[in-house]
Amino acid sequence: ESDDEPVKSIRKKKQASMVLAAQAVKN
């Protein structure tokens, strides 16, 4: 969400659309 704390949200929301997209680039 727009008001989520950035670093915490990346670490906790492993299935978030943004995190999965970034993981696809890493992989």
PDB file of all heavy atoms in Angstrom:
ATOM      1  N   GLU A   1       0.838  -1.203   0.000  1.00  0.00           N
ATOM      2  CA  GLU A   1       0.000   0.000   0.000  1.00  0.00           C
ATOM      3  C   GLU A   1       0.873   1.254   0.000  1.00  0.00           C
ATOM      4  O   GLU A   1       2.059   1.212   0.346  1.00  0.00           O
ATOM      5  CB  GLU A   1      -0.913   0.006   1.233  1.00  0.00           C
ATOM      6  CG  GLU A   1      -1.793  -1.228   1.375  1.00  0.00           C
ATOM      7  CD  GLU A   1      -2.850  -1.356   0.296  1.00  0.00           C
ATOM      8  OE1 GLU A   1      -3.135  -0.337  -0.382  1.00  0.00           O
ATOM      9  OE2 GLU A   1      -3.388  -2.462   0.122  1.00  0.00           O
ATOM     10  N   SER A   2       0.261   2.366  -0.357  1.00  0.00           N
ATOM     11  CA  SER A   2       1.009   3.628  -0.456  1.00  0.00           C
ATOM     12  C   SER A   2       1.552   4.099   0.885  1.00  0.00           C
ATOM     13  O   SER A   2       2.567   4.796   0.944  1.00  0.00           O
ATOM     14  CB  SER A   2       0.120   4.720  -1.068  1.00  0.00           C
ATOM     15  OG  SER A   2      -1.025   4.934  -0.255  1.00  0.00           O
ATOM     16  N   ASP A   3       0.876   3.722   1.986  1.00  0.00           N
ATOM     17  CA  ASP A   3       1.312   4.168   3.304  1.00  0.00           C
ATOM     18  C   ASP A   3       2.089   3.094   4.076  1.00  0.00           C
ATOM     19  O   ASP A   3       2.402   3.269   5.251  1.00  0.00           O
ATOM     20  CB  ASP A   3       0.109   4.632   4.130  1.00  0.00           C
ATOM     21  CG  ASP A   3      -0.971   3.561   4.284  1.00  0.00           C
ATOM     22  OD1 ASP A   3      -0.862   2.503   3.620  1.00  0.00           O
ATOM     23  OD2 ASP A   3      -1.918   3.779   5.054  1.00  0.00           O
ATOM     24  N   ASP A   4       2.431   1.982   3.424  1.00  0.00           N
ATOM     25  CA  ASP A   4       3.237   0.943   4.078  1.00  0.00           C
ATOM     26  C   ASP A   4       4.667   1.444   4.296  1.00  0.00           C
ATOM     27  O   ASP A   4       5.202   2.188   3.470  1.00  0.00           O
ATOM     28  CB  ASP A   4       3.284  -0.323   3.222  1.00  0.00           C
ATOM     29  CG  ASP A   4       2.041  -1.183   3.368  1.00  0.00           C
ATOM     30  OD1 ASP A   4       1.244  -0.913   4.276  1.00  0.00           O
ATOM     31  OD2 ASP A   4       1.856  -2.118   2.555  1.00  0.00           O
ATOM     32  N   GLU A   5       5.278   1.008   5.403  1.00  0.00           N
ATOM     33  CA  GLU A   5       6.671   1.355   5.657  1.00  0.00           C
ATOM     34  C   GLU A   5       7.535   0.595   4.655  1.00  0.00           C
ATOM     35  O   GLU A   5       7.445  -0.629   4.548  1.00  0.00           O
ATOM     36  CB  GLU A   5       7.046   0.967   7.085  1.00  0.00           C
ATOM     37  CG  GLU A   5       8.304   1.659   7.607  1.00  0.00           C
ATOM     38  CD  GLU A   5       9.576   1.025   7.063  1.00  0.00           C
ATOM     39  OE1 GLU A   5       9.604  -0.219   6.941  1.00  0.00           O
ATOM     40  OE2 GLU A   5      10.528   1.767   6.747  1.00  0.00           O
ATOM     41  N   PRO A   6       8.365   1.305   3.854  1.00  0.00           N
ATOM     42  CA  PRO A   6       9.032   0.697   2.703  1.00  0.00           C
ATOM     43  C   PRO A   6       9.827  -0.573   2.985  1.00  0.00           C
ATOM     44  O   PRO A   6       9.520  -1.633   2.420  1.00  0.00           O
ATOM     45  CB  PRO A   6       9.942   1.820   2.194  1.00  0.00           C
ATOM     46  CG  PRO A   6       9.234   3.070   2.567  1.00  0.00           C
ATOM     47  CD  PRO A   6       8.606   2.762   3.900  1.00  0.00           C
ATOM     48  N   VAL A   7      10.837  -0.504   3.829  1.00  0.00           N
ATOM     49  CA  VAL A   7      11.720  -1.655   4.031  1.00  0.00           C
ATOM     50  C   VAL A   7      10.965  -2.800   4.700  1.00  0.00           C
ATOM     51  O   VAL A   7      11.101  -3.967   4.302  1.00  0.00           O
ATOM     52  CB  VAL A   7      12.956  -1.254   4.862  1.00  0.00           C
ATOM     53  CG1 VAL A   7      13.825  -2.481   5.150  1.00  0.00           C
ATOM     54  CG2 VAL A   7      13.777  -0.189   4.123  1.00  0.00           C
ATOM     55  N   LYS A   8      10.164  -2.460   5.691  1.00  0.00           N
ATOM     56  CA  LYS A   8       9.399  -3.491   6.403  1.00  0.00           C
ATOM     57  C   LYS A   8       8.444  -4.224   5.459  1.00  0.00           C
ATOM     58  O   LYS A   8       8.285  -5.446   5.520  1.00  0.00           O
ATOM     59  CB  LYS A   8       8.611  -2.849   7.547  1.00  0.00           C
ATOM     60  CG  LYS A   8       7.973  -3.850   8.499  1.00  0.00           C
ATOM     61  CD  LYS A   8       7.200  -3.138   9.602  1.00  0.00           C
ATOM     62  CE  LYS A   8       8.139  -2.386  10.526  1.00  0.00           C
ATOM     63  NZ  LYS A   8       7.416  -1.749  11.656  1.00  0.00           N
ATOM     64  N   SER A   9       7.796  -3.478   4.553  1.00  0.00           N
ATOM     65  CA  SER A   9       6.822  -4.097   3.647  1.00  0.00           C
ATOM     66  C   SER A   9       7.514  -5.031   2.653  1.00  0.00           C
ATOM     67  O   SER A   9       6.986  -6.089   2.312  1.00  0.00           O
ATOM     68  CB  SER A   9       6.035  -3.019   2.894  1.00  0.00           C
ATOM     69  OG  SER A   9       6.886  -2.223   2.088  1.00  0.00           O
ATOM     70  N   ILE A  10       8.709  -4.659   2.197  1.00  0.00           N
ATOM     71  CA  ILE A  10       9.451  -5.519   1.267  1.00  0.00           C
ATOM     72  C   ILE A  10       9.855  -6.827   1.947  1.00  0.00           C
ATOM     73  O   ILE A  10       9.827  -7.903   1.341  1.00  0.00           O
ATOM     74  CB  ILE A  10      10.710  -4.779   0.743  1.00  0.00           C
ATOM     75  CG1 ILE A  10      10.322  -3.654  -0.209  1.00  0.00           C
ATOM     76  CG2 ILE A  10      11.679  -5.740   0.057  1.00  0.00           C
ATOM     77  CD1 ILE A  10       9.658  -4.111  -1.480  1.00  0.00           C
ATOM     78  N   ARG A  11      10.198  -6.737   3.236  1.00  0.00           N
ATOM     79  CA  ARG A  11      10.649  -7.925   3.962  1.00  0.00           C
ATOM     80  C   ARG A  11       9.491  -8.813   4.423  1.00  0.00           C
ATOM     81  O   ARG A  11       9.637 -10.039   4.493  1.00  0.00           O
ATOM     82  CB  ARG A  11      11.485  -7.493   5.161  1.00  0.00           C
ATOM     83  CG  ARG A  11      12.844  -6.946   4.753  1.00  0.00           C
ATOM     84  CD  ARG A  11      13.622  -6.406   5.923  1.00  0.00           C
ATOM     85  NE  ARG A  11      14.977  -6.004   5.520  1.00  0.00           N
ATOM     86  CZ  ARG A  11      15.789  -5.260   6.247  1.00  0.00           C
ATOM     87  NH1 ARG A  11      15.407  -4.862   7.452  1.00  0.00           N
ATOM     88  NH2 ARG A  11      16.995  -4.936   5.806  1.00  0.00           N
ATOM     89  N   LYS A  12       8.341  -8.208   4.741  1.00  0.00           N
ATOM     90  CA  LYS A  12       7.220  -8.975   5.289  1.00  0.00           C
ATOM     91  C   LYS A  12       6.230  -9.448   4.230  1.00  0.00           C
ATOM     92  O   LYS A  12       5.646 -10.523   4.352  1.00  0.00           O
ATOM     93  CB  LYS A  12       6.498  -8.140   6.353  1.00  0.00           C
ATOM     94  CG  LYS A  12       7.302  -7.975   7.639  1.00  0.00           C
ATOM     95  CD  LYS A  12       6.431  -7.420   8.754  1.00  0.00           C
ATOM     96  CE  LYS A  12       7.170  -7.444  10.088  1.00  0.00           C
ATOM     97  NZ  LYS A  12       6.323  -6.984  11.206  1.00  0.00           N
ATOM     98  N   LYS A  13       6.012  -8.638   3.206  1.00  0.00           N
ATOM     99  CA  LYS A  13       5.028  -8.985   2.171  1.00  0.00           C
ATOM    100  C   LYS A  13       5.729  -9.682   0.998  1.00  0.00           C
ATOM    101  O   LYS A  13       5.867  -9.125  -0.091  1.00  0.00           O
ATOM    102  CB  LYS A  13       4.275  -7.737   1.706  1.00  0.00           C
ATOM    103  CG  LYS A  13       3.371  -7.135   2.774  1.00  0.00           C
ATOM    104  CD  LYS A  13       2.521  -5.998   2.206  1.00  0.00           C
ATOM    105  CE  LYS A  13       1.478  -5.518   3.194  1.00  0.00           C
ATOM    106  NZ  LYS A  13       0.609  -4.455   2.636  1.00  0.00           N
ATOM    107  N   LYS A  14       6.145 -10.900   1.213  1.00  0.00           N
ATOM    108  CA  LYS A  14       6.937 -11.634   0.227  1.00  0.00           C
ATOM    109  C   LYS A  14       6.146 -11.943  -1.043  1.00  0.00           C
ATOM    110  O   LYS A  14       6.738 -12.186  -2.105  1.00  0.00           O
ATOM    111  CB  LYS A  14       7.449 -12.950   0.828  1.00  0.00           C
ATOM    112  CG  LYS A  14       8.373 -12.776   2.026  1.00  0.00           C
ATOM    113  CD  LYS A  14       9.684 -12.127   1.616  1.00  0.00           C
ATOM    114  CE  LYS A  14      10.678 -12.112   2.774  1.00  0.00           C
ATOM    115  NZ  LYS A  14      11.934 -11.417   2.420  1.00  0.00           N
ATOM    116  N   GLN A  15       4.813 -11.975  -0.942  1.00  0.00           N
ATOM    117  CA  GLN A  15       3.974 -12.288  -2.097  1.00  0.00           C
ATOM    118  C   GLN A  15       3.339 -11.040  -2.713  1.00  0.00           C
ATOM    119  O   GLN A  15       2.456 -11.165  -3.572  1.00  0.00           O
ATOM    120  CB  GLN A  15       2.873 -13.282  -1.696  1.00  0.00           C
ATOM    121  CG  GLN A  15       3.396 -14.646  -1.274  1.00  0.00           C
ATOM    122  CD  GLN A  15       4.206 -15.308  -2.375  1.00  0.00           C
ATOM    123  OE1 GLN A  15       3.744 -15.446  -3.499  1.00  0.00           O
ATOM    124  NE2 GLN A  15       5.433 -15.725  -2.048  1.00  0.00           N
ATOM    125  N   ALA A  16       3.794  -9.869  -2.306  1.00  0.00           N
ATOM    126  CA  ALA A  16       3.261  -8.633  -2.895  1.00  0.00           C
ATOM    127  C   ALA A  16       3.673  -8.538  -4.356  1.00  0.00           C
ATOM    128  O   ALA A  16       4.745  -9.009  -4.754  1.00  0.00           O
ATOM    129  CB  ALA A  16       3.774  -7.427  -2.119  1.00  0.00           C
ATOM    130  N   SER A  17       2.817  -7.926  -5.163  1.00  0.00           N
ATOM    131  CA  SER A  17       3.064  -7.838  -6.607  1.00  0.00           C
ATOM    132  C   SER A  17       4.410  -7.185  -6.911  1.00  0.00           C
ATOM    133  O   SER A  17       5.156  -7.646  -7.783  1.00  0.00           O
ATOM    134  CB  SER A  17       1.929  -7.062  -7.288  1.00  0.00           C
ATOM    135  OG  SER A  17       1.706  -5.809  -6.656  1.00  0.00           O
ATOM    136  N   MET A  18       4.771  -6.136  -6.172  1.00  0.00           N
ATOM    137  CA  MET A  18       6.048  -5.458  -6.402  1.00  0.00           C
ATOM    138  C   MET A  18       7.227  -6.354  -6.051  1.00  0.00           C
ATOM    139  O   MET A  18       8.228  -6.406  -6.790  1.00  0.00           O
ATOM    140  CB  MET A  18       6.128  -4.165  -5.579  1.00  0.00           C
ATOM    141  CG  MET A  18       7.392  -3.365  -5.811  1.00  0.00           C
ATOM    142  SD  MET A  18       7.572  -1.989  -4.644  1.00  0.00           S
ATOM    143  CE  MET A  18       6.230  -0.915  -5.139  1.00  0.00           C
ATOM    144  N   VAL A  19       7.132  -7.062  -4.950  1.00  0.00           N
ATOM    145  CA  VAL A  19       8.229  -7.923  -4.491  1.00  0.00           C
ATOM    146  C   VAL A  19       8.440  -9.085  -5.464  1.00  0.00           C
ATOM    147  O   VAL A  19       9.577  -9.425  -5.822  1.00  0.00           O
ATOM    148  CB  VAL A  19       7.961  -8.444  -3.072  1.00  0.00           C
ATOM    149  CG1 VAL A  19       9.058  -9.402  -2.626  1.00  0.00           C
ATOM    150  CG2 VAL A  19       7.850  -7.285  -2.092  1.00  0.00           C
ATOM    151  N   LEU A  20       7.355  -9.687  -5.924  1.00  0.00           N
ATOM    152  CA  LEU A  20       7.463 -10.794  -6.869  1.00  0.00           C
ATOM    153  C   LEU A  20       8.072 -10.323  -8.187  1.00  0.00           C
ATOM    154  O   LEU A  20       8.874 -11.046  -8.806  1.00  0.00           O
ATOM    155  CB  LEU A  20       6.081 -11.403  -7.120  1.00  0.00           C
ATOM    156  CG  LEU A  20       5.454 -12.173  -5.954  1.00  0.00           C
ATOM    157  CD1 LEU A  20       4.049 -12.638  -6.327  1.00  0.00           C
ATOM    158  CD2 LEU A  20       6.313 -13.361  -5.543  1.00  0.00           C
ATOM    159  N   ALA A  21       7.705  -9.113  -8.618  1.00  0.00           N
ATOM    160  CA  ALA A  21       8.272  -8.566  -9.855  1.00  0.00           C
ATOM    161  C   ALA A  21       9.771  -8.333  -9.708  1.00  0.00           C
ATOM    162  O   ALA A  21      10.558  -8.641 -10.609  1.00  0.00           O
ATOM    163  CB  ALA A  21       7.554  -7.268 -10.227  1.00  0.00           C
ATOM    164  N   ALA A  22      10.179  -7.789  -8.561  1.00  0.00           N
ATOM    165  CA  ALA A  22      11.604  -7.566  -8.314  1.00  0.00           C
ATOM    166  C   ALA A  22      12.361  -8.881  -8.228  1.00  0.00           C
ATOM    167  O   ALA A  22      13.490  -9.015  -8.719  1.00  0.00           O
ATOM    168  CB  ALA A  22      11.784  -6.772  -7.020  1.00  0.00           C
ATOM    169  N   GLN A  23      11.741  -9.884  -7.613  1.00  0.00           N
ATOM    170  CA  GLN A  23      12.369 -11.191  -7.492  1.00  0.00           C
ATOM    171  C   GLN A  23      12.573 -11.831  -8.867  1.00  0.00           C
ATOM    172  O   GLN A  23      13.570 -12.511  -9.113  1.00  0.00           O
ATOM    173  CB  GLN A  23      11.502 -12.095  -6.611  1.00  0.00           C
ATOM    174  CG  GLN A  23      12.198 -13.357  -6.129  1.00  0.00           C
ATOM    175  CD  GLN A  23      13.357 -13.079  -5.178  1.00  0.00           C
ATOM    176  OE1 GLN A  23      13.218 -12.309  -4.240  1.00  0.00           O
ATOM    177  NE2 GLN A  23      14.499 -13.713  -5.436  1.00  0.00           N
ATOM    178  N   ALA A  24      11.624 -11.582  -9.769  1.00  0.00           N
ATOM    179  CA  ALA A  24      11.743 -12.124 -11.130  1.00  0.00           C
ATOM    180  C   ALA A  24      12.968 -11.547 -11.829  1.00  0.00           C
ATOM    181  O   ALA A  24      13.666 -12.249 -12.570  1.00  0.00           O
ATOM    182  CB  ALA A  24      10.478 -11.808 -11.930  1.00  0.00           C
ATOM    183  N   VAL A  25      13.254 -10.266 -11.587  1.00  0.00           N
ATOM    184  CA  VAL A  25      14.445  -9.642 -12.170  1.00  0.00           C
ATOM    185  C   VAL A  25      15.703 -10.253 -11.555  1.00  0.00           C
ATOM    186  O   VAL A  25      16.657 -10.588 -12.263  1.00  0.00           O
ATOM    187  CB  VAL A  25      14.418  -8.112 -11.963  1.00  0.00           C
ATOM    188  CG1 VAL A  25      15.717  -7.479 -12.443  1.00  0.00           C
ATOM    189  CG2 VAL A  25      13.227  -7.500 -12.695  1.00  0.00           C
ATOM    190  N   LYS A  26      15.697 -10.407 -10.251  1.00  0.00           N
ATOM    191  CA  LYS A  26      16.857 -10.997  -9.575  1.00  0.00           C
ATOM    192  C   LYS A  26      17.140 -12.407 -10.091  1.00  0.00           C
ATOM    193  O   LYS A  26      18.297 -12.798 -10.280  1.00  0.00           O
ATOM    194  CB  LYS A  26      16.620 -11.039  -8.065  1.00  0.00           C
ATOM    195  CG  LYS A  26      17.789 -11.645  -7.295  1.00  0.00           C
ATOM    196  CD  LYS A  26      17.518 -11.702  -5.806  1.00  0.00           C
ATOM    197  CE  LYS A  26      18.698 -12.322  -5.071  1.00  0.00           C
ATOM    198  NZ  LYS A  26      18.461 -12.411  -3.605  1.00  0.00           N
ATOM    199  N   ASN A  27      16.079 -13.173 -10.341  1.00  0.00           N
ATOM    200  CA  ASN A  27      16.226 -14.562 -10.771  1.00  0.00           C
ATOM    201  C   ASN A  27      16.512 -14.699 -12.266  1.00  0.00           C
ATOM    202  O   ASN A  27      16.672 -15.816 -12.768  1.00  0.00           O
ATOM    203  CB  ASN A  27      14.962 -15.356 -10.426  1.00  0.00           C
ATOM    204  CG  ASN A  27      14.739 -15.476  -8.927  1.00  0.00           C
ATOM    205  OD1 ASN A  27      15.658 -15.267  -8.129  1.00  0.00           O
ATOM    206  ND2 ASN A  27      13.511 -15.785  -8.532  1.00  0.00           N
TER     207      ASN A  27
END
